[in-house]
Amino acid sequence: MSSPDSSASAKVLFVVDDEPLLLELIQALLECDGYEVRTFGDPSTALDAFRKAPSTPSMLLTDFAMQPLNGLELLAECRKIRPDLKSILLSGQVRSSDFAAYPTQPDRFFKKPFVPQEFLDGVRQLAER
């Protein structure tokens, strides 16, 4: 049996991307699928919110190419707080082989642009793991 904190946060997702239109699209897709979504246009704001969240989200979906932290650096910082944090990395600029050497790895990777149904299926599969 899970604690109220873990069940409350089970469907809370943080989405971080510096492209406002993509952020809106991802939020709409996920909310239609029943997730509670918090969006952030930059990784510093997302990290601050993650640190202050009363119950940490269960999943981080983040763009790779951002400043001052890239998506994997953001993920590494968030996993210091929640080691079991599930993650999806999104990028239109890199391939999975480009970040293979990073010490922190995402659970899933989607190249932008992605097919919305495939993306949702990937989020659901990861959430259920």
C-alpha atoms as a PDB file:
ATOM      1  CA  MET A   1       0.000   0.000   0.000  1.00  0.00           C
ATOM      2  CA  SER A   2       1.424   3.377  -0.965  1.00  0.00           C
ATOM      3  CA  SER A   3       1.529   6.422   1.244  1.00  0.00           C
ATOM      4  CA  PRO A   4      -0.750   9.373   0.418  1.00  0.00           C
ATOM      5  CA  ASP A   5       2.320  11.373  -0.624  1.00  0.00           C
ATOM      6  CA  SER A   6       3.433   8.840  -3.222  1.00  0.00           C
ATOM      7  CA  SER A   7      -0.031   8.326  -4.690  1.00  0.00           C
ATOM      8  CA  ALA A   8      -0.647  12.074  -4.837  1.00  0.00           C
ATOM      9  CA  SER A   9       2.558  12.586  -6.770  1.00  0.00           C
ATOM     10  CA  ALA A  10       2.215   9.474  -8.934  1.00  0.00           C
ATOM     11  CA  LYS A  11       0.656  11.369 -11.831  1.00  0.00           C
ATOM     12  CA  VAL A  12       2.417  14.728 -11.371  1.00  0.00           C
ATOM     13  CA  LEU A  13       4.788  15.416 -14.232  1.00  0.00           C
ATOM     14  CA  PHE A  14       7.253  18.273 -14.643  1.00  0.00           C
ATOM     15  CA  VAL A  15       7.777  19.320 -18.258  1.00  0.00           C
ATOM     16  CA  VAL A  16      10.686  21.611 -19.134  1.00  0.00           C
ATOM     17  CA  ASP A  17      11.238  23.096 -22.584  1.00  0.00           C
ATOM     18  CA  ASP A  18      12.293  26.515 -23.812  1.00  0.00           C
ATOM     19  CA  GLU A  19       9.915  26.307 -26.795  1.00  0.00           C
ATOM     20  CA  PRO A  20       6.551  27.705 -25.543  1.00  0.00           C
ATOM     21  CA  LEU A  21       4.426  26.125 -28.281  1.00  0.00           C
ATOM     22  CA  LEU A  22       5.891  22.682 -27.710  1.00  0.00           C
ATOM     23  CA  LEU A  23       5.405  23.101 -23.967  1.00  0.00           C
ATOM     24  CA  GLU A  24       1.709  23.879 -24.561  1.00  0.00           C
ATOM     25  CA  LEU A  25       1.309  20.889 -26.882  1.00  0.00           C
ATOM     26  CA  ILE A  26       2.920  18.472 -24.425  1.00  0.00           C
ATOM     27  CA  GLN A  27       0.849  19.870 -21.555  1.00  0.00           C
ATOM     28  CA  ALA A  28      -2.397  19.462 -23.533  1.00  0.00           C
ATOM     29  CA  LEU A  29      -1.518  15.878 -24.541  1.00  0.00           C
ATOM     30  CA  LEU A  30      -0.642  14.831 -21.008  1.00  0.00           C
ATOM     31  CA  GLU A  31      -3.560  16.577 -19.296  1.00  0.00           C
ATOM     32  CA  CYS A  32      -5.990  14.931 -21.736  1.00  0.00           C
ATOM     33  CA  ASP A  33      -4.456  11.633 -20.640  1.00  0.00           C
ATOM     34  CA  GLY A  34      -5.151  12.390 -16.964  1.00  0.00           C
ATOM     35  CA  TYR A  35      -1.790  13.658 -15.766  1.00  0.00           C
ATOM     36  CA  GLU A  36      -1.258  16.704 -13.604  1.00  0.00           C
ATOM     37  CA  VAL A  37       1.332  18.780 -15.449  1.00  0.00           C
ATOM     38  CA  ARG A  38       3.573  21.612 -14.308  1.00  0.00           C
ATOM     39  CA  THR A  39       5.422  23.347 -17.118  1.00  0.00           C
ATOM     40  CA  PHE A  40       8.611  25.376 -17.052  1.00  0.00           C
ATOM     41  CA  GLY A  41      10.323  27.414 -19.757  1.00  0.00           C
ATOM     42  CA  ASP A  42      13.773  27.129 -18.227  1.00  0.00           C
ATOM     43  CA  PRO A  43      15.644  24.518 -16.190  1.00  0.00           C
ATOM     44  CA  SER A  44      16.594  26.808 -13.284  1.00  0.00           C
ATOM     45  CA  THR A  45      12.954  27.596 -12.491  1.00  0.00           C
ATOM     46  CA  ALA A  46      12.055  23.918 -12.817  1.00  0.00           C
ATOM     47  CA  LEU A  47      14.837  22.865 -10.448  1.00  0.00           C
ATOM     48  CA  ASP A  48      13.794  25.477  -7.888  1.00  0.00           C
ATOM     49  CA  ALA A  49      10.169  24.274  -8.076  1.00  0.00           C
ATOM     50  CA  PHE A  50      11.299  20.641  -7.828  1.00  0.00           C
ATOM     51  CA  ARG A  51      13.256  21.419  -4.673  1.00  0.00           C
ATOM     52  CA  LYS A  52      10.273  23.244  -3.128  1.00  0.00           C
ATOM     53  CA  ALA A  53       7.519  20.822  -4.199  1.00  0.00           C
ATOM     54  CA  PRO A  54       5.562  19.435  -1.225  1.00  0.00           C
ATOM     55  CA  SER A  55       5.662  16.040  -2.956  1.00  0.00           C
ATOM     56  CA  THR A  56       8.146  15.565  -5.744  1.00  0.00           C
ATOM     57  CA  PRO A  57       6.784  14.666  -9.172  1.00  0.00           C
ATOM     58  CA  SER A  58       7.115  11.115 -10.420  1.00  0.00           C
ATOM     59  CA  MET A  59       8.466  12.042 -13.838  1.00  0.00           C
ATOM     60  CA  LEU A  60      10.553  14.726 -15.517  1.00  0.00           C
ATOM     61  CA  LEU A  61      10.164  15.340 -19.239  1.00  0.00           C
ATOM     62  CA  THR A  62      12.839  17.724 -20.414  1.00  0.00           C
ATOM     63  CA  ASP A  63      14.369  19.184 -23.516  1.00  0.00           C
ATOM     64  CA  PHE A  64      18.096  18.596 -23.846  1.00  0.00           C
ATOM     65  CA  ALA A  65      19.437  21.864 -25.283  1.00  0.00           C
ATOM     66  CA  MET A  66      18.755  24.555 -22.674  1.00  0.00           C
ATOM     67  CA  GLN A  67      20.710  27.037 -20.587  1.00  0.00           C
ATOM     68  CA  PRO A  68      22.106  27.317 -17.944  1.00  0.00           C
ATOM     69  CA  LEU A  69      21.597  23.552 -17.446  1.00  0.00           C
ATOM     70  CA  ASN A  70      20.990  21.049 -20.215  1.00  0.00           C
ATOM     71  CA  GLY A  71      18.277  18.441 -19.712  1.00  0.00           C
ATOM     72  CA  LEU A  72      20.627  15.768 -18.382  1.00  0.00           C
ATOM     73  CA  GLU A  73      22.233  18.175 -15.919  1.00  0.00           C
ATOM     74  CA  LEU A  74      18.741  19.106 -14.711  1.00  0.00           C
ATOM     75  CA  LEU A  75      17.862  15.420 -14.376  1.00  0.00           C
ATOM     76  CA  ALA A  76      21.046  14.755 -12.381  1.00  0.00           C
ATOM     77  CA  GLU A  77      20.159  17.545  -9.920  1.00  0.00           C
ATOM     78  CA  CYS A  78      16.566  16.324  -9.561  1.00  0.00           C
ATOM     79  CA  ARG A  79      17.715  12.736  -8.958  1.00  0.00           C
ATOM     80  CA  LYS A  80      19.811  13.977  -6.024  1.00  0.00           C
ATOM     81  CA  ILE A  81      16.436  14.800  -4.442  1.00  0.00           C
ATOM     82  CA  ARG A  82      14.470  11.841  -5.820  1.00  0.00           C
ATOM     83  CA  PRO A  83      16.788   9.024  -6.971  1.00  0.00           C
ATOM     84  CA  ASP A  84      13.910   6.992  -8.448  1.00  0.00           C
ATOM     85  CA  LEU A  85      12.698   9.877 -10.644  1.00  0.00           C
ATOM     86  CA  LYS A  86      11.553   8.627 -14.041  1.00  0.00           C
ATOM     87  CA  SER A  87      12.605  10.726 -17.000  1.00  0.00           C
ATOM     88  CA  ILE A  88      12.113  11.361 -20.678  1.00  0.00           C
ATOM     89  CA  LEU A  89      14.592  13.408 -22.663  1.00  0.00           C
ATOM     90  CA  LEU A  90      13.379  15.283 -25.745  1.00  0.00           C
ATOM     91  CA  SER A  91      15.571  16.802 -28.423  1.00  0.00           C
ATOM     92  CA  GLY A  92      15.459  17.946 -31.992  1.00  0.00           C
ATOM     93  CA  GLN A  93      19.217  18.504 -32.070  1.00  0.00           C
ATOM     94  CA  VAL A  94      20.859  15.407 -30.602  1.00  0.00           C
ATOM     95  CA  ARG A  95      20.594  11.656 -30.964  1.00  0.00           C
ATOM     96  CA  SER A  96      20.750   9.212 -28.076  1.00  0.00           C
ATOM     97  CA  SER A  97      24.332   8.343 -29.073  1.00  0.00           C
ATOM     98  CA  ASP A  98      25.318  12.003 -28.538  1.00  0.00           C
ATOM     99  CA  PHE A  99      24.633  11.821 -24.794  1.00  0.00           C
ATOM    100  CA  ALA A 100      25.627   8.197 -24.148  1.00  0.00           C
ATOM    101  CA  ALA A 101      28.720   9.330 -22.228  1.00  0.00           C
ATOM    102  CA  TYR A 102      26.751  11.412 -19.695  1.00  0.00           C
ATOM    103  CA  PRO A 103      26.740   9.874 -16.202  1.00  0.00           C
ATOM    104  CA  THR A 104      22.999  10.499 -15.849  1.00  0.00           C
ATOM    105  CA  GLN A 105      20.753   8.834 -18.412  1.00  0.00           C
ATOM    106  CA  PRO A 106      17.045   9.274 -19.140  1.00  0.00           C
ATOM    107  CA  ASP A 107      14.660   6.320 -19.042  1.00  0.00           C
ATOM    108  CA  ARG A 108      13.340   7.179 -22.520  1.00  0.00           C
ATOM    109  CA  PHE A 109      14.363   9.442 -25.380  1.00  0.00           C
ATOM    110  CA  PHE A 110      12.156  11.050 -28.011  1.00  0.00           C
ATOM    111  CA  LYS A 111      13.491  12.893 -31.024  1.00  0.00           C
ATOM    112  CA  LYS A 112      11.508  16.031 -31.893  1.00  0.00           C
ATOM    113  CA  PRO A 113       9.232  16.217 -33.700  1.00  0.00           C
ATOM    114  CA  PHE A 114       7.582  13.118 -32.255  1.00  0.00           C
ATOM    115  CA  VAL A 115       4.337  11.345 -33.062  1.00  0.00           C
ATOM    116  CA  PRO A 116       1.879  12.366 -30.293  1.00  0.00           C
ATOM    117  CA  GLN A 117       0.412   8.872 -29.818  1.00  0.00           C
ATOM    118  CA  GLU A 118       3.856   7.246 -29.624  1.00  0.00           C
ATOM    119  CA  PHE A 119       4.910   9.899 -27.107  1.00  0.00           C
ATOM    120  CA  LEU A 120       1.830   9.289 -24.937  1.00  0.00           C
ATOM    121  CA  ASP A 121       2.332   5.534 -25.117  1.00  0.00           C
ATOM    122  CA  GLY A 122       5.944   6.005 -23.990  1.00  0.00           C
ATOM    123  CA  VAL A 123       4.897   8.196 -21.049  1.00  0.00           C
ATOM    124  CA  ARG A 124       2.223   5.662 -19.996  1.00  0.00           C
ATOM    125  CA  GLN A 125       4.633   2.708 -20.216  1.00  0.00           C
ATOM    126  CA  LEU A 126       7.238   4.531 -18.154  1.00  0.00           C
ATOM    127  CA  ALA A 127       4.670   5.681 -15.582  1.00  0.00           C
ATOM    128  CA  GLU A 128       3.481   2.094 -15.085  1.00  0.00           C
ATOM    129  CA  ARG A 129       7.009   0.697 -14.539  1.00  0.00           C
END
